[in-house]
């Protein structure tokens, strides 16, 4: 991958997409299938197709939709009805730990004109914490083969465990904080601290949900007893990283959901 490529602009409109309104910072709460702001719990802004608290260990994909309420009124006496816009699929392929053709966790764009397909690259820090880097292949959609192109992909966001208080801190391609996750006991919360356009917010929220889905799946491994396979070392670094995330995720999320 060419490291000289410039990172995508974190807050402005990306090429080939119309200029979008800049959205202010806000805090999102993930509750079952709905994602709403902290200040308006009765008005969900996003929805996923499966209940995150009961996500099966071997989930393969989850539909991610944005809920829009600014549709034109058919009758002046009626309130605008929410419109759902399917944006992404959040994917965890079957037998991902054995495969090399696709990443273990990624999101695909449904339509042209979106940011592109994004996948997680997972690494371990020197403090034994799993770090996430979201790599984007601009302009790619779910219809493309291959889904990702290493020659052009760049970092969109990164997520690292905070030094104090628990939870993950999200930064953009330049290392500037854009969001942080709620600590232990605060539920599934994402506080977005930077202004950004709609596409960037959609991608950030979707990546956060994907990370949570991975941790929910991992927690079921821990609850039912974690046993590391003896041949784990023979599958190389990606396998070890995948299982390490499941173990750490199980410890973290089991505490959060209990």
Foldseek 3Di string as FASTA:
>chain_A
DDPPDDFADQFFDGPPADTFDKAAWFKWADAFFFICTPVCVPDGQKGKDGGLLPQALFDFKIWIWGWDQPDDDPDPVDGGDIDIDTFKIWGQHGPQLQDDQDHRTWIFGADFNAQAIWGWDWDADPVRWIKTWIKGAGRAGPPDVPRHDPVRIATAKIWDFDPPQTWIFIAGRVRHTQWTFHHAPPHTMITGHGIHGPRSVSVVVVVSVSLSSLLSSLLVCVVVPPDDDPCQVVSDDSNVRSNSSSPVSNVRVVRRVD
